[in-house]
Amino acid sequence: MNEHNNATPETIIKNITIELLRYGDITVTTENFGVCTDIIPFGSSGGFLLEHQQKLYESLRIDATQLSAESIEDNSNGKRYLINGALLMWLSKTQVLGLALPRDRNIEVDNKDGSKATVLLKTFALTSQGLDVALKIQEHEDNERRFEQQSGISKALQDNSSKSVTTARWALALSVVLVGFGGYRVYQLEQKILSHSNMEQRIHSAEKESSRLGKEVVILKDELNILTAIGNDKSHPVAVIVDSNAPATRP
């Protein structure tokens, strides 16, 4: 339950009280029988007491240096002895604090060498005071979890809101750019239309001027033909109009 590598004594007491609330009771042996936990049957699944104790030991994060000096000195039987001894020590502390009381019972087990052994088991359960404390601790932890969840949700909503604002700003900027680009394209199109209209007007004017000049050319040709015909006819004198303002020239 505790996330720290080496939990404080207060944290271990709190956590072991919560474990007593979860499991209903916790069973250990006296220190003399700590090495027997791998052959002591426990639970209805056909497991052994060591498996149950090991899960508790790992969840409590108990540091081996926090065990009693006697347990550390007599560590010739390894991890089984240490786990059972650590749980026994901390459960005994809950007993001193009035949070739990043990119920003793003897069971007979088969040793690995085939002999029989009688083992004293101590099963700790919460007292009424311990139950009240455990419920308050559980309520406090539930409130902390709810607060963390709500804080996480609020942070997520805030992050989403910030992302939405950023997205909206980018969308607005993009819209402005697109509207500006669209306006520029419309302006270009209008200029092209105006240019085309002006070109059509110029072409129309040129066509009219060309038509007028064509008519004048036809008239001039007719007049030239008439003058040519008269000039070729010797019987008709040709009248020459002299501009008095023109300078005189010598032959």
C-alpha atoms as a PDB file:
ATOM      1  CA  MET A   1       0.000   0.000   0.000  1.00  0.00           C
ATOM      2  CA  ASN A   2       2.811   2.353   0.724  1.00  0.00           C
ATOM      3  CA  GLU A   3       4.764   3.573  -2.254  1.00  0.00           C
ATOM      4  CA  HIS A   4       7.995   4.360  -0.391  1.00  0.00           C
ATOM      5  CA  ASN A   5      10.814   1.819  -0.236  1.00  0.00           C
ATOM      6  CA  ASN A   6      11.204   2.108   3.561  1.00  0.00           C
ATOM      7  CA  ALA A   7       7.974   3.059   5.289  1.00  0.00           C
ATOM      8  CA  THR A   8       7.993   4.922   8.590  1.00  0.00           C
ATOM      9  CA  PRO A   9       6.742   3.096  11.726  1.00  0.00           C
ATOM     10  CA  GLU A  10       3.602   5.254  11.769  1.00  0.00           C
ATOM     11  CA  THR A  11       2.878   4.381   8.143  1.00  0.00           C
ATOM     12  CA  ILE A  12       3.403   0.659   8.757  1.00  0.00           C
ATOM     13  CA  ILE A  13       1.023   0.717  11.761  1.00  0.00           C
ATOM     14  CA  LYS A  14      -1.571   2.557   9.668  1.00  0.00           C
ATOM     15  CA  ASN A  15      -1.179   0.194   6.720  1.00  0.00           C
ATOM     16  CA  ILE A  16      -1.268  -2.989   8.797  1.00  0.00           C
ATOM     17  CA  THR A  17      -4.468  -1.717  10.436  1.00  0.00           C
ATOM     18  CA  ILE A  18      -5.999  -1.270   6.970  1.00  0.00           C
ATOM     19  CA  GLU A  19      -4.826  -4.783   6.013  1.00  0.00           C
ATOM     20  CA  LEU A  20      -6.549  -6.161   9.100  1.00  0.00           C
ATOM     21  CA  LEU A  21      -9.723  -4.409   7.919  1.00  0.00           C
ATOM     22  CA  ARG A  22      -9.331  -5.859   4.412  1.00  0.00           C
ATOM     23  CA  TYR A  23      -8.489  -9.445   5.350  1.00  0.00           C
ATOM     24  CA  GLY A  24     -10.485  -9.663   8.591  1.00  0.00           C
ATOM     25  CA  ASP A  25      -7.469 -11.166  10.368  1.00  0.00           C
ATOM     26  CA  ILE A  26      -3.770 -11.873   9.875  1.00  0.00           C
ATOM     27  CA  THR A  27      -2.104 -15.072  11.011  1.00  0.00           C
ATOM     28  CA  VAL A  28       1.514 -15.485  12.139  1.00  0.00           C
ATOM     29  CA  THR A  29       3.452 -17.973  14.212  1.00  0.00           C
ATOM     30  CA  THR A  30       5.657 -17.350  17.185  1.00  0.00           C
ATOM     31  CA  GLU A  31       9.240 -16.538  16.224  1.00  0.00           C
ATOM     32  CA  ASN A  32      10.346 -20.091  17.079  1.00  0.00           C
ATOM     33  CA  PHE A  33       8.072 -21.454  14.345  1.00  0.00           C
ATOM     34  CA  GLY A  34       8.773 -18.787  11.757  1.00  0.00           C
ATOM     35  CA  VAL A  35      10.666 -21.257   9.587  1.00  0.00           C
ATOM     36  CA  CYS A  36       7.588 -23.470   9.281  1.00  0.00           C
ATOM     37  CA  THR A  37       5.433 -21.000   7.354  1.00  0.00           C
ATOM     38  CA  ASP A  38       6.068 -22.775   4.028  1.00  0.00           C
ATOM     39  CA  ILE A  39       4.536 -26.025   5.320  1.00  0.00           C
ATOM     40  CA  ILE A  40       1.657 -24.577   7.370  1.00  0.00           C
ATOM     41  CA  PRO A  41      -1.573 -24.865   5.319  1.00  0.00           C
ATOM     42  CA  PHE A  42      -3.524 -21.630   5.036  1.00  0.00           C
ATOM     43  CA  GLY A  43      -6.830 -20.704   3.428  1.00  0.00           C
ATOM     44  CA  SER A  44      -9.261 -22.743   1.364  1.00  0.00           C
ATOM     45  CA  SER A  45      -7.203 -22.637  -1.858  1.00  0.00           C
ATOM     46  CA  GLY A  46      -4.632 -25.173  -0.660  1.00  0.00           C
ATOM     47  CA  GLY A  47      -1.898 -22.568  -0.240  1.00  0.00           C
ATOM     48  CA  PHE A  48       0.553 -22.070   2.608  1.00  0.00           C
ATOM     49  CA  LEU A  49       0.927 -19.394   5.251  1.00  0.00           C
ATOM     50  CA  LEU A  50       4.174 -18.103   3.700  1.00  0.00           C
ATOM     51  CA  GLU A  51       2.343 -17.007   0.527  1.00  0.00           C
ATOM     52  CA  HIS A  52      -0.161 -14.989   2.537  1.00  0.00           C
ATOM     53  CA  GLN A  53       2.558 -13.429   4.698  1.00  0.00           C
ATOM     54  CA  GLN A  54       4.751 -12.568   1.714  1.00  0.00           C
ATOM     55  CA  LYS A  55       1.961 -10.533   0.053  1.00  0.00           C
ATOM     56  CA  LEU A  56       1.424  -8.607   3.279  1.00  0.00           C
ATOM     57  CA  TYR A  57       5.144  -8.037   3.740  1.00  0.00           C
ATOM     58  CA  GLU A  58       5.511  -6.646   0.207  1.00  0.00           C
ATOM     59  CA  SER A  59       2.480  -4.374   0.527  1.00  0.00           C
ATOM     60  CA  LEU A  60       3.728  -2.957   3.854  1.00  0.00           C
ATOM     61  CA  ARG A  61       7.264  -2.304   2.510  1.00  0.00           C
ATOM     62  CA  ILE A  62       8.840  -3.276   5.813  1.00  0.00           C
ATOM     63  CA  ASP A  63      12.588  -2.681   5.940  1.00  0.00           C
ATOM     64  CA  ALA A  64      14.542  -5.647   7.347  1.00  0.00           C
ATOM     65  CA  THR A  65      16.626  -3.287   9.492  1.00  0.00           C
ATOM     66  CA  GLN A  66      13.468  -2.386  11.411  1.00  0.00           C
ATOM     67  CA  LEU A  67      13.195  -5.891  12.845  1.00  0.00           C
ATOM     68  CA  SER A  68      14.183  -6.704  16.387  1.00  0.00           C
ATOM     69  CA  ALA A  69      17.855  -7.374  17.103  1.00  0.00           C
ATOM     70  CA  GLU A  70      17.054 -10.983  18.041  1.00  0.00           C
ATOM     71  CA  SER A  71      15.387 -11.589  14.664  1.00  0.00           C
ATOM     72  CA  ILE A  72      18.344 -10.190  12.731  1.00  0.00           C
ATOM     73  CA  GLU A  73      20.896 -12.163  14.763  1.00  0.00           C
ATOM     74  CA  ASP A  74      18.948 -15.397  14.347  1.00  0.00           C
ATOM     75  CA  ASN A  75      18.532 -15.006  10.589  1.00  0.00           C
ATOM     76  CA  SER A  76      19.949 -18.415   9.754  1.00  0.00           C
ATOM     77  CA  ASN A  77      16.604 -19.578   8.327  1.00  0.00           C
ATOM     78  CA  GLY A  78      16.324 -16.831   5.748  1.00  0.00           C
ATOM     79  CA  LYS A  79      13.401 -14.917   4.350  1.00  0.00           C
ATOM     80  CA  ARG A  80      10.627 -17.039   5.891  1.00  0.00           C
ATOM     81  CA  TYR A  81      11.865 -16.235   9.371  1.00  0.00           C
ATOM     82  CA  LEU A  82      12.281 -12.527   8.635  1.00  0.00           C
ATOM     83  CA  ILE A  83       8.818 -12.125   7.098  1.00  0.00           C
ATOM     84  CA  ASN A  84       7.036 -13.915   9.924  1.00  0.00           C
ATOM     85  CA  GLY A  85       9.142 -12.086  12.537  1.00  0.00           C
ATOM     86  CA  ALA A  86       8.466  -8.670  10.985  1.00  0.00           C
ATOM     87  CA  LEU A  87       4.704  -9.213  10.816  1.00  0.00           C
ATOM     88  CA  LEU A  88       4.653 -10.578  14.375  1.00  0.00           C
ATOM     89  CA  MET A  89       6.527  -7.534  15.655  1.00  0.00           C
ATOM     90  CA  TRP A  90       4.240  -4.975  13.991  1.00  0.00           C
ATOM     91  CA  LEU A  91       1.059  -6.864  14.899  1.00  0.00           C
ATOM     92  CA  SER A  92       2.282  -6.941  18.501  1.00  0.00           C
ATOM     93  CA  LYS A  93       2.615  -3.140  18.314  1.00  0.00           C
ATOM     94  CA  THR A  94      -0.998  -2.841  17.188  1.00  0.00           C
ATOM     95  CA  GLN A  95      -1.909  -5.001  20.203  1.00  0.00           C
ATOM     96  CA  VAL A  96      -0.035  -2.611  22.516  1.00  0.00           C
ATOM     97  CA  LEU A  97      -1.940   0.312  20.969  1.00  0.00           C
ATOM     98  CA  GLY A  98      -5.251  -1.474  21.556  1.00  0.00           C
ATOM     99  CA  LEU A  99      -5.979  -1.781  17.838  1.00  0.00           C
ATOM    100  CA  ALA A 100      -5.833  -5.600  17.572  1.00  0.00           C
ATOM    101  CA  LEU A 101      -5.909  -8.714  19.747  1.00  0.00           C
ATOM    102  CA  PRO A 102      -4.511 -12.193  18.951  1.00  0.00           C
ATOM    103  CA  ARG A 103      -6.286 -15.510  19.172  1.00  0.00           C
ATOM    104  CA  ASP A 104      -3.930 -18.440  19.826  1.00  0.00           C
ATOM    105  CA  ARG A 105      -4.378 -21.958  18.527  1.00  0.00           C
ATOM    106  CA  ASN A 106      -2.153 -24.992  18.056  1.00  0.00           C
ATOM    107  CA  ILE A 107      -2.031 -27.015  14.856  1.00  0.00           C
ATOM    108  CA  GLU A 108      -0.108 -30.149  13.942  1.00  0.00           C
ATOM    109  CA  VAL A 109       1.927 -30.129  10.739  1.00  0.00           C
ATOM    110  CA  ASP A 110       4.128 -32.622   8.916  1.00  0.00           C
ATOM    111  CA  ASN A 111       7.793 -31.685   8.771  1.00  0.00           C
ATOM    112  CA  LYS A 112       9.722 -32.265   5.562  1.00  0.00           C
ATOM    113  CA  ASP A 113      11.584 -35.128   7.265  1.00  0.00           C
ATOM    114  CA  GLY A 114       8.261 -36.897   7.912  1.00  0.00           C
ATOM    115  CA  SER A 115       8.031 -36.075  11.616  1.00  0.00           C
ATOM    116  CA  LYS A 116       5.128 -34.261  13.263  1.00  0.00           C
ATOM    117  CA  ALA A 117       5.302 -30.824  14.843  1.00  0.00           C
ATOM    118  CA  THR A 118       2.848 -28.766  16.864  1.00  0.00           C
ATOM    119  CA  VAL A 119       2.893 -25.104  15.852  1.00  0.00           C
ATOM    120  CA  LEU A 120       1.393 -22.197  17.776  1.00  0.00           C
ATOM    121  CA  LEU A 121      -0.478 -19.800  15.489  1.00  0.00           C
ATOM    122  CA  LYS A 122      -1.462 -16.277  16.510  1.00  0.00           C
ATOM    123  CA  THR A 123      -4.355 -14.825  14.528  1.00  0.00           C
ATOM    124  CA  PHE A 124      -4.767 -11.052  15.014  1.00  0.00           C
ATOM    125  CA  ALA A 125      -8.099  -9.306  14.487  1.00  0.00           C
ATOM    126  CA  LEU A 126      -9.200  -5.694  15.000  1.00  0.00           C
ATOM    127  CA  THR A 127     -10.701  -4.584  18.282  1.00  0.00           C
ATOM    128  CA  SER A 128     -13.686  -2.183  18.287  1.00  0.00           C
ATOM    129  CA  GLN A 129     -11.237   0.685  18.732  1.00  0.00           C
ATOM    130  CA  GLY A 130      -9.068  -0.659  15.910  1.00  0.00           C
ATOM    131  CA  LEU A 131     -12.121  -1.030  13.658  1.00  0.00           C
ATOM    132  CA  ASP A 132     -13.090   2.595  14.304  1.00  0.00           C
ATOM    133  CA  VAL A 133      -9.527   3.751  13.573  1.00  0.00           C
ATOM    134  CA  ALA A 134      -9.316   1.619  10.415  1.00  0.00           C
ATOM    135  CA  LEU A 135     -12.607   2.990   9.084  1.00  0.00           C
ATOM    136  CA  LYS A 136     -11.469   6.568   9.709  1.00  0.00           C
ATOM    137  CA  ILE A 137      -8.143   5.874   8.004  1.00  0.00           C
ATOM    138  CA  GLN A 138      -9.977   4.282   5.074  1.00  0.00           C
ATOM    139  CA  GLU A 139     -12.344   7.239   4.817  1.00  0.00           C
ATOM    140  CA  HIS A 140      -9.403   9.642   4.897  1.00  0.00           C
ATOM    141  CA  GLU A 141      -7.606   7.715   2.140  1.00  0.00           C
ATOM    142  CA  ASP A 142     -10.803   7.561   0.061  1.00  0.00           C
ATOM    143  CA  ASN A 143     -11.185  11.332   0.403  1.00  0.00           C
ATOM    144  CA  GLU A 144      -7.566  11.792  -0.652  1.00  0.00           C
ATOM    145  CA  ARG A 145      -8.113   9.560  -3.679  1.00  0.00           C
ATOM    146  CA  ARG A 146     -11.286  11.441  -4.622  1.00  0.00           C
ATOM    147  CA  PHE A 147      -9.476  14.744  -4.228  1.00  0.00           C
ATOM    148  CA  GLU A 148      -6.609  13.514  -6.414  1.00  0.00           C
ATOM    149  CA  GLN A 149      -9.087  12.220  -8.993  1.00  0.00           C
ATOM    150  CA  GLN A 150     -11.002  15.505  -9.002  1.00  0.00           C
ATOM    151  CA  SER A 151      -7.736  17.434  -9.229  1.00  0.00           C
ATOM    152  CA  GLY A 152      -6.713  15.208 -12.129  1.00  0.00           C
ATOM    153  CA  ILE A 153     -10.082  15.747 -13.832  1.00  0.00           C
ATOM    154  CA  SER A 154      -9.880  19.514 -13.243  1.00  0.00           C
ATOM    155  CA  LYS A 155      -6.352  19.597 -14.638  1.00  0.00           C
ATOM    156  CA  ALA A 156      -7.444  17.538 -17.636  1.00  0.00           C
ATOM    157  CA  LEU A 157     -10.390  19.894 -18.239  1.00  0.00           C
ATOM    158  CA  GLN A 158      -8.100  22.889 -17.861  1.00  0.00           C
ATOM    159  CA  ASP A 159      -5.607  21.384 -20.302  1.00  0.00           C
ATOM    160  CA  ASN A 160      -8.418  20.602 -22.742  1.00  0.00           C
ATOM    161  CA  SER A 161      -9.756  24.142 -22.333  1.00  0.00           C
ATOM    162  CA  SER A 162      -6.309  25.594 -23.006  1.00  0.00           C
ATOM    163  CA  LYS A 163      -5.963  23.351 -26.050  1.00  0.00           C
ATOM    164  CA  SER A 164      -9.423  24.438 -27.240  1.00  0.00           C
ATOM    165  CA  VAL A 165      -8.503  28.126 -26.844  1.00  0.00           C
ATOM    166  CA  THR A 166      -5.252  27.557 -28.727  1.00  0.00           C
ATOM    167  CA  THR A 167      -7.100  25.662 -31.456  1.00  0.00           C
ATOM    168  CA  ALA A 168      -9.703  28.429 -31.682  1.00  0.00           C
ATOM    169  CA  ARG A 169      -6.979  31.053 -32.014  1.00  0.00           C
ATOM    170  CA  TRP A 170      -5.282  29.092 -34.766  1.00  0.00           C
ATOM    171  CA  ALA A 171      -8.637  28.600 -36.485  1.00  0.00           C
ATOM    172  CA  LEU A 172      -9.365  32.339 -36.249  1.00  0.00           C
ATOM    173  CA  ALA A 173      -5.929  33.215 -37.624  1.00  0.00           C
ATOM    174  CA  LEU A 174      -6.381  30.714 -40.448  1.00  0.00           C
ATOM    175  CA  SER A 175      -9.851  32.119 -41.181  1.00  0.00           C
ATOM    176  CA  VAL A 176      -8.435  35.648 -41.370  1.00  0.00           C
ATOM    177  CA  VAL A 177      -5.706  34.447 -43.741  1.00  0.00           C
ATOM    178  CA  LEU A 178      -8.215  32.579 -45.905  1.00  0.00           C
ATOM    179  CA  VAL A 179     -10.648  35.518 -45.959  1.00  0.00           C
ATOM    180  CA  GLY A 180      -7.796  37.868 -46.855  1.00  0.00           C
ATOM    181  CA  PHE A 181      -6.594  35.535 -49.593  1.00  0.00           C
ATOM    182  CA  GLY A 182     -10.147  35.143 -50.861  1.00  0.00           C
ATOM    183  CA  GLY A 183     -10.591  38.929 -50.901  1.00  0.00           C
ATOM    184  CA  TYR A 184      -7.360  39.332 -52.835  1.00  0.00           C
ATOM    185  CA  ARG A 185      -8.500  36.732 -55.372  1.00  0.00           C
ATOM    186  CA  VAL A 186     -11.831  38.556 -55.753  1.00  0.00           C
ATOM    187  CA  TYR A 187      -9.927  41.826 -56.247  1.00  0.00           C
ATOM    188  CA  GLN A 188      -7.765  40.193 -58.900  1.00  0.00           C
ATOM    189  CA  LEU A 189     -10.856  38.805 -60.607  1.00  0.00           C
ATOM    190  CA  GLU A 190     -12.525  42.227 -60.567  1.00  0.00           C
ATOM    191  CA  GLN A 191      -9.389  43.782 -62.089  1.00  0.00           C
ATOM    192  CA  LYS A 192      -9.397  41.139 -64.803  1.00  0.00           C
ATOM    193  CA  ILE A 193     -13.075  41.793 -65.520  1.00  0.00           C
ATOM    194  CA  LEU A 194     -12.465  45.546 -65.667  1.00  0.00           C
ATOM    195  CA  SER A 195      -9.439  45.027 -67.898  1.00  0.00           C
ATOM    196  CA  HIS A 196     -11.471  42.774 -70.177  1.00  0.00           C
ATOM    197  CA  SER A 197     -14.274  45.351 -70.322  1.00  0.00           C
ATOM    198  CA  ASN A 198     -11.815  48.125 -71.168  1.00  0.00           C
ATOM    199  CA  MET A 199     -10.254  45.930 -73.830  1.00  0.00           C
ATOM    200  CA  GLU A 200     -13.665  45.222 -75.343  1.00  0.00           C
ATOM    201  CA  GLN A 201     -14.450  48.947 -75.358  1.00  0.00           C
ATOM    202  CA  ARG A 202     -11.123  49.698 -77.059  1.00  0.00           C
ATOM    203  CA  ILE A 203     -11.737  46.976 -79.626  1.00  0.00           C
ATOM    204  CA  HIS A 204     -15.240  48.319 -80.243  1.00  0.00           C
ATOM    205  CA  SER A 205     -13.879  51.875 -80.624  1.00  0.00           C
ATOM    206  CA  ALA A 206     -11.153  50.649 -82.932  1.00  0.00           C
ATOM    207  CA  GLU A 207     -13.708  48.790 -85.016  1.00  0.00           C
ATOM    208  CA  LYS A 208     -15.841  51.933 -85.289  1.00  0.00           C
ATOM    209  CA  GLU A 209     -12.783  54.038 -86.194  1.00  0.00           C
ATOM    210  CA  SER A 210     -11.709  51.429 -88.727  1.00  0.00           C
ATOM    211  CA  SER A 211     -15.181  51.437 -90.259  1.00  0.00           C
ATOM    212  CA  ARG A 212     -15.171  55.244 -90.458  1.00  0.00           C
ATOM    213  CA  LEU A 213     -11.696  55.318 -92.005  1.00  0.00           C
ATOM    214  CA  GLY A 214     -12.759  52.634 -94.459  1.00  0.00           C
ATOM    215  CA  LYS A 215     -15.667  54.746 -95.582  1.00  0.00           C
ATOM    216  CA  GLU A 216     -13.406  57.784 -95.943  1.00  0.00           C
ATOM    217  CA  VAL A 217     -10.925  55.734 -97.976  1.00  0.00           C
ATOM    218  CA  VAL A 218     -13.759  54.659-100.275  1.00  0.00           C
ATOM    219  CA  ILE A 219     -14.847  58.300-100.706  1.00  0.00           C
ATOM    220  CA  LEU A 220     -11.278  59.432-101.380  1.00  0.00           C
ATOM    221  CA  LYS A 221     -10.847  56.642-103.934  1.00  0.00           C
ATOM    222  CA  ASP A 222     -14.050  57.743-105.679  1.00  0.00           C
ATOM    223  CA  GLU A 223     -12.926  61.356-105.708  1.00  0.00           C
ATOM    224  CA  LEU A 224      -9.466  60.315-106.968  1.00  0.00           C
ATOM    225  CA  ASN A 225     -11.049  58.282-109.760  1.00  0.00           C
ATOM    226  CA  ILE A 226     -13.176  61.267-110.709  1.00  0.00           C
ATOM    227  CA  LEU A 227     -10.161  63.607-110.761  1.00  0.00           C
ATOM    228  CA  THR A 228      -8.150  61.069-112.740  1.00  0.00           C
ATOM    229  CA  ALA A 229     -10.918  60.770-115.303  1.00  0.00           C
ATOM    230  CA  ILE A 230     -11.191  64.519-115.672  1.00  0.00           C
ATOM    231  CA  GLY A 231      -7.408  64.876-116.005  1.00  0.00           C
ATOM    232  CA  ASN A 232      -7.324  62.362-118.794  1.00  0.00           C
ATOM    233  CA  ASP A 233     -10.113  64.164-120.676  1.00  0.00           C
ATOM    234  CA  LYS A 234      -8.326  66.943-122.723  1.00  0.00           C
ATOM    235  CA  SER A 235     -11.558  68.581-123.694  1.00  0.00           C
ATOM    236  CA  HIS A 236     -12.262  69.682-120.183  1.00  0.00           C
ATOM    237  CA  PRO A 237      -9.991  72.195-118.530  1.00  0.00           C
ATOM    238  CA  VAL A 238      -8.749  71.463-115.078  1.00  0.00           C
ATOM    239  CA  ALA A 239      -9.268  74.100-112.467  1.00  0.00           C
ATOM    240  CA  VAL A 240      -6.427  74.516-110.074  1.00  0.00           C
ATOM    241  CA  ILE A 241      -7.067  76.145-106.785  1.00  0.00           C
ATOM    242  CA  VAL A 242      -4.152  78.070-105.479  1.00  0.00           C
ATOM    243  CA  ASP A 243      -3.846  78.871-101.855  1.00  0.00           C
ATOM    244  CA  SER A 244      -2.862  82.506-101.558  1.00  0.00           C
ATOM    245  CA  ASN A 245      -1.155  81.799 -98.306  1.00  0.00           C
ATOM    246  CA  ALA A 246       1.152  79.184 -99.832  1.00  0.00           C
ATOM    247  CA  PRO A 247       4.701  80.487-100.637  1.00  0.00           C
ATOM    248  CA  ALA A 248       5.523  81.153-104.298  1.00  0.00           C
ATOM    249  CA  THR A 249       7.966  78.851-105.961  1.00  0.00           C
ATOM    250  CA  ARG A 250      10.063  79.402-109.090  1.00  0.00           C
ATOM    251  CA  PRO A 251       9.912  76.842-111.918  1.00  0.00           C
END
